[in-house]
N, C-alpha and C. Protein backbone atom coordinates (compact mmCIF):
# COMPACT_ATOMS: atom_id res chain seq x y z
N ILE A 1 -42.16 56.44 -4.32
CA ILE A 1 -40.90 55.92 -4.80
C ILE A 1 -39.95 55.69 -3.62
N PHE A 2 -39.96 56.63 -2.66
CA PHE A 2 -39.11 56.47 -1.49
C PHE A 2 -39.47 55.21 -0.72
N ALA A 3 -40.77 54.95 -0.56
CA ALA A 3 -41.23 53.78 0.17
C ALA A 3 -40.80 52.50 -0.56
N ALA A 4 -40.90 52.50 -1.89
CA ALA A 4 -40.50 51.32 -2.66
C ALA A 4 -38.99 51.10 -2.52
N GLY A 5 -38.22 52.14 -2.56
CA GLY A 5 -36.76 52.03 -2.39
C GLY A 5 -36.41 51.53 -1.01
N LEU A 6 -37.13 52.01 0.01
CA LEU A 6 -36.90 51.57 1.38
C LEU A 6 -37.24 50.10 1.54
N MET A 7 -38.35 49.66 0.89
CA MET A 7 -38.76 48.25 0.96
C MET A 7 -37.71 47.36 0.28
N ILE A 8 -37.21 47.80 -0.85
CA ILE A 8 -36.20 47.02 -1.57
C ILE A 8 -34.91 46.95 -0.74
N ALA A 9 -34.52 48.06 -0.14
CA ALA A 9 -33.32 48.08 0.68
C ALA A 9 -33.48 47.17 1.90
N THR A 10 -34.66 47.19 2.52
CA THR A 10 -34.95 46.35 3.68
C THR A 10 -34.91 44.87 3.26
N TRP A 11 -35.55 44.57 2.14
CA TRP A 11 -35.58 43.18 1.65
C TRP A 11 -34.16 42.71 1.33
N ASN A 12 -33.37 43.57 0.70
CA ASN A 12 -32.00 43.22 0.35
C ASN A 12 -31.16 42.98 1.61
N TYR A 13 -31.32 43.84 2.61
CA TYR A 13 -30.59 43.69 3.87
C TYR A 13 -30.98 42.38 4.55
N THR A 14 -32.27 42.09 4.57
CA THR A 14 -32.75 40.86 5.19
C THR A 14 -32.20 39.63 4.47
N LYS A 15 -32.19 39.69 3.14
CA LYS A 15 -31.67 38.57 2.35
C LYS A 15 -30.19 38.37 2.64
N VAL A 16 -29.43 39.43 2.71
CA VAL A 16 -28.00 39.34 3.00
C VAL A 16 -27.80 38.71 4.39
N GLN A 17 -28.61 39.15 5.36
CA GLN A 17 -28.49 38.59 6.71
C GLN A 17 -28.80 37.09 6.72
N ARG A 18 -29.84 36.69 5.97
CA ARG A 18 -30.18 35.26 5.88
C ARG A 18 -29.04 34.48 5.22
N ASP A 19 -28.46 35.04 4.17
CA ASP A 19 -27.35 34.38 3.48
C ASP A 19 -26.15 34.22 4.41
N VAL A 20 -25.86 35.27 5.18
CA VAL A 20 -24.74 35.20 6.12
C VAL A 20 -25.00 34.11 7.16
N LYS A 21 -26.20 34.08 7.68
CA LYS A 21 -26.56 33.06 8.69
C LYS A 21 -26.46 31.66 8.09
N MET A 22 -26.94 31.51 6.86
CA MET A 22 -26.88 30.21 6.20
C MET A 22 -25.43 29.78 5.99
N ASN A 23 -24.58 30.73 5.58
CA ASN A 23 -23.16 30.42 5.39
C ASN A 23 -22.48 30.06 6.70
N GLU A 24 -22.85 30.76 7.78
CA GLU A 24 -22.30 30.44 9.09
C GLU A 24 -22.72 29.04 9.52
N ASP A 25 -23.98 28.70 9.27
CA ASP A 25 -24.47 27.36 9.62
C ASP A 25 -23.75 26.29 8.80
N ARG A 26 -23.55 26.56 7.52
CA ARG A 26 -22.83 25.61 6.67
C ARG A 26 -21.40 25.45 7.15
N ALA A 27 -20.75 26.54 7.48
CA ALA A 27 -19.36 26.49 7.95
C ALA A 27 -19.27 25.70 9.25
N ALA A 28 -20.22 25.92 10.15
CA ALA A 28 -20.23 25.19 11.41
C ALA A 28 -20.43 23.69 11.17
N LEU A 29 -21.31 23.35 10.25
CA LEU A 29 -21.56 21.95 9.92
C LEU A 29 -20.33 21.31 9.28
N ILE A 30 -19.68 22.03 8.38
CA ILE A 30 -18.46 21.52 7.74
C ILE A 30 -17.38 21.29 8.79
N LEU A 31 -17.22 22.25 9.70
CA LEU A 31 -16.22 22.12 10.76
C LEU A 31 -16.54 20.93 11.66
N LYS A 32 -17.79 20.78 12.02
CA LYS A 32 -18.21 19.66 12.88
C LYS A 32 -17.93 18.33 12.18
N ASN A 33 -18.25 18.24 10.88
CA ASN A 33 -18.00 17.00 10.14
C ASN A 33 -16.50 16.73 10.01
N ALA A 34 -15.70 17.77 9.82
CA ALA A 34 -14.26 17.59 9.71
C ALA A 34 -13.67 17.11 11.04
N GLU A 35 -14.15 17.66 12.14
CA GLU A 35 -13.68 17.23 13.46
C GLU A 35 -14.07 15.78 13.72
N LYS A 36 -15.29 15.42 13.34
CA LYS A 36 -15.75 14.04 13.52
C LYS A 36 -14.92 13.08 12.65
N ALA A 37 -14.62 13.47 11.42
CA ALA A 37 -13.81 12.64 10.54
C ALA A 37 -12.39 12.47 11.09
N ALA A 38 -11.83 13.54 11.63
CA ALA A 38 -10.49 13.47 12.20
C ALA A 38 -10.48 12.54 13.43
N GLN A 39 -11.49 12.63 14.25
CA GLN A 39 -11.60 11.77 15.43
C GLN A 39 -11.74 10.31 15.01
N THR A 40 -12.57 10.06 14.01
CA THR A 40 -12.76 8.70 13.52
C THR A 40 -11.46 8.15 12.94
N GLU A 41 -10.73 8.99 12.22
CA GLU A 41 -9.45 8.56 11.65
C GLU A 41 -8.46 8.22 12.76
N ARG A 42 -8.41 9.04 13.82
CA ARG A 42 -7.51 8.75 14.94
C ARG A 42 -7.88 7.42 15.60
N GLU A 43 -9.18 7.20 15.80
CA GLU A 43 -9.62 5.95 16.43
C GLU A 43 -9.27 4.74 15.55
N LEU A 44 -9.47 4.88 14.25
CA LEU A 44 -9.13 3.79 13.33
C LEU A 44 -7.63 3.51 13.35
N ASN A 45 -6.83 4.56 13.32
CA ASN A 45 -5.38 4.38 13.37
C ASN A 45 -4.93 3.72 14.66
N ASP A 46 -5.51 4.14 15.78
CA ASP A 46 -5.18 3.52 17.07
C ASP A 46 -5.56 2.06 17.08
N PHE A 47 -6.75 1.74 16.58
CA PHE A 47 -7.23 0.36 16.54
C PHE A 47 -6.32 -0.50 15.67
N LEU A 48 -6.02 -0.01 14.46
CA LEU A 48 -5.18 -0.77 13.55
C LEU A 48 -3.77 -0.95 14.12
N ALA A 49 -3.24 0.09 14.68
CA ALA A 49 -1.90 -0.01 15.26
C ALA A 49 -1.87 -1.08 16.35
N HIS A 50 -2.89 -1.10 17.19
CA HIS A 50 -2.95 -2.08 18.27
C HIS A 50 -3.15 -3.49 17.72
N GLU A 51 -4.10 -3.65 16.81
CA GLU A 51 -4.44 -4.98 16.29
C GLU A 51 -3.35 -5.55 15.39
N VAL A 52 -2.59 -4.70 14.76
CA VAL A 52 -1.53 -5.18 13.87
C VAL A 52 -0.21 -5.31 14.65
N ARG A 53 0.06 -4.39 15.55
CA ARG A 53 1.34 -4.39 16.24
C ARG A 53 1.51 -5.60 17.16
N ASN A 54 0.44 -6.06 17.82
CA ASN A 54 0.58 -7.21 18.71
C ASN A 54 1.04 -8.46 17.97
N PRO A 55 0.36 -8.88 16.89
CA PRO A 55 0.87 -10.05 16.18
C PRO A 55 2.21 -9.77 15.49
N LEU A 56 2.43 -8.53 15.13
CA LEU A 56 3.68 -8.18 14.48
C LEU A 56 4.86 -8.38 15.44
N ALA A 57 4.67 -8.02 16.69
CA ALA A 57 5.72 -8.22 17.69
C ALA A 57 6.03 -9.71 17.85
N ALA A 58 5.01 -10.54 17.82
CA ALA A 58 5.23 -11.98 17.91
C ALA A 58 5.98 -12.49 16.68
N ALA A 59 5.66 -11.99 15.52
CA ALA A 59 6.34 -12.42 14.30
C ALA A 59 7.80 -11.97 14.31
N ILE A 60 8.06 -10.78 14.79
CA ILE A 60 9.44 -10.30 14.88
C ILE A 60 10.24 -11.17 15.86
N SER A 61 9.63 -11.52 16.97
CA SER A 61 10.30 -12.41 17.93
C SER A 61 10.56 -13.78 17.32
N ALA A 62 9.60 -14.30 16.58
CA ALA A 62 9.78 -15.60 15.94
C ALA A 62 10.94 -15.58 14.95
N THR A 63 11.07 -14.51 14.20
CA THR A 63 12.19 -14.43 13.25
C THR A 63 13.52 -14.36 13.99
N SER A 64 13.53 -13.73 15.15
CA SER A 64 14.76 -13.70 15.95
C SER A 64 15.12 -15.10 16.43
N PHE A 65 14.13 -15.87 16.88
CA PHE A 65 14.38 -17.24 17.31
C PHE A 65 14.90 -18.09 16.16
N VAL A 66 14.28 -17.95 15.01
CA VAL A 66 14.71 -18.73 13.85
C VAL A 66 16.11 -18.33 13.42
N SER A 67 16.38 -17.03 13.40
CA SER A 67 17.71 -16.60 12.97
C SER A 67 18.79 -17.07 13.94
N SER A 68 18.50 -17.16 15.23
CA SER A 68 19.50 -17.69 16.16
C SER A 68 19.62 -19.20 16.03
N ALA A 69 18.54 -19.88 15.65
CA ALA A 69 18.58 -21.33 15.52
C ALA A 69 19.32 -21.79 14.27
N ILE A 70 19.42 -20.97 13.27
CA ILE A 70 20.09 -21.41 12.04
C ILE A 70 21.59 -21.54 12.21
N TYR A 71 22.14 -21.00 13.29
CA TYR A 71 23.57 -21.14 13.52
C TYR A 71 23.91 -22.48 14.17
N GLU A 72 22.91 -23.22 14.62
CA GLU A 72 23.14 -24.57 15.14
C GLU A 72 23.29 -25.52 13.97
N LYS A 73 24.08 -26.53 14.14
CA LYS A 73 24.37 -27.47 13.05
C LYS A 73 23.21 -28.41 12.75
N GLU A 74 22.46 -28.82 13.74
CA GLU A 74 21.46 -29.87 13.56
C GLU A 74 20.31 -29.53 12.61
N PRO A 75 19.66 -28.36 12.76
CA PRO A 75 18.49 -28.15 11.89
C PRO A 75 18.82 -28.08 10.40
N LEU A 76 19.94 -27.48 10.10
CA LEU A 76 20.34 -27.33 8.69
C LEU A 76 21.73 -27.94 8.52
N VAL A 77 21.81 -28.94 7.68
CA VAL A 77 23.04 -29.70 7.58
C VAL A 77 24.13 -28.96 6.81
N ASP A 78 23.79 -28.41 5.67
CA ASP A 78 24.84 -27.80 4.86
C ASP A 78 24.79 -26.27 4.92
N GLU A 79 25.89 -25.66 4.58
CA GLU A 79 26.03 -24.21 4.64
C GLU A 79 25.11 -23.52 3.63
N GLU A 80 24.89 -24.14 2.50
CA GLU A 80 24.00 -23.56 1.48
C GLU A 80 22.58 -23.39 2.02
N SER A 81 22.10 -24.37 2.74
CA SER A 81 20.76 -24.28 3.34
C SER A 81 20.72 -23.18 4.38
N ARG A 82 21.77 -23.13 5.22
CA ARG A 82 21.81 -22.08 6.25
C ARG A 82 21.84 -20.70 5.61
N GLN A 83 22.62 -20.54 4.56
CA GLN A 83 22.70 -19.24 3.88
C GLN A 83 21.36 -18.86 3.27
N SER A 84 20.67 -19.80 2.68
CA SER A 84 19.35 -19.54 2.09
C SER A 84 18.36 -19.10 3.16
N VAL A 85 18.37 -19.79 4.29
CA VAL A 85 17.46 -19.43 5.39
C VAL A 85 17.83 -18.07 5.96
N ARG A 86 19.15 -17.79 6.08
CA ARG A 86 19.57 -16.47 6.57
C ARG A 86 19.04 -15.36 5.68
N GLU A 87 19.12 -15.55 4.38
CA GLU A 87 18.61 -14.54 3.44
C GLU A 87 17.11 -14.37 3.59
N ASP A 88 16.40 -15.49 3.69
CA ASP A 88 14.94 -15.43 3.87
C ASP A 88 14.57 -14.73 5.16
N ILE A 89 15.28 -15.06 6.23
CA ILE A 89 15.02 -14.43 7.53
C ILE A 89 15.29 -12.93 7.44
N GLY A 90 16.36 -12.56 6.73
CA GLY A 90 16.66 -11.13 6.57
C GLY A 90 15.55 -10.39 5.86
N ILE A 91 15.00 -11.02 4.81
CA ILE A 91 13.90 -10.40 4.07
C ILE A 91 12.67 -10.27 4.94
N VAL A 92 12.34 -11.36 5.64
CA VAL A 92 11.15 -11.32 6.51
C VAL A 92 11.33 -10.29 7.62
N LYS A 93 12.51 -10.29 8.23
CA LYS A 93 12.77 -9.35 9.33
C LYS A 93 12.67 -7.91 8.87
N SER A 94 13.26 -7.59 7.71
CA SER A 94 13.20 -6.21 7.23
C SER A 94 11.77 -5.82 6.84
N SER A 95 11.02 -6.77 6.29
CA SER A 95 9.62 -6.48 5.95
C SER A 95 8.80 -6.21 7.20
N LEU A 96 8.99 -7.05 8.21
CA LEU A 96 8.25 -6.85 9.47
C LEU A 96 8.64 -5.53 10.12
N GLN A 97 9.93 -5.20 10.09
CA GLN A 97 10.38 -3.94 10.68
C GLN A 97 9.80 -2.74 9.93
N TYR A 98 9.69 -2.87 8.60
CA TYR A 98 9.11 -1.81 7.79
C TYR A 98 7.66 -1.57 8.20
N VAL A 99 6.89 -2.65 8.33
CA VAL A 99 5.48 -2.52 8.75
C VAL A 99 5.41 -1.91 10.14
N ASN A 100 6.27 -2.37 11.03
CA ASN A 100 6.28 -1.83 12.39
C ASN A 100 6.59 -0.35 12.38
N ASP A 101 7.54 0.09 11.55
CA ASP A 101 7.88 1.51 11.48
C ASP A 101 6.73 2.34 10.93
N LEU A 102 5.95 1.75 10.02
CA LEU A 102 4.79 2.48 9.48
C LEU A 102 3.74 2.75 10.55
N LEU A 103 3.64 1.83 11.49
CA LEU A 103 2.62 2.00 12.53
C LEU A 103 3.11 3.00 13.54
């Protein structure tokens, strides 16, 4: 009976050790995958910020040129047209600035 109890205790201890090792391996794998996902997310954010911000800067500059040009008399004859374009430029400018701030 003592030998059977010793065998059961040994088997139980061995099983617990295997379970602990398996859990450690799983935890290490989860950590590795989380680190890889975080790195991939950083790279994607950097790429998107670069690829979106460059054309966005050009669009913001273009709206500045247009907004300064609407104060000249020649392109827009009447005040109503100028006011409409000013409002449109304001909407476009604030939208572009919002996107830029998100990046």
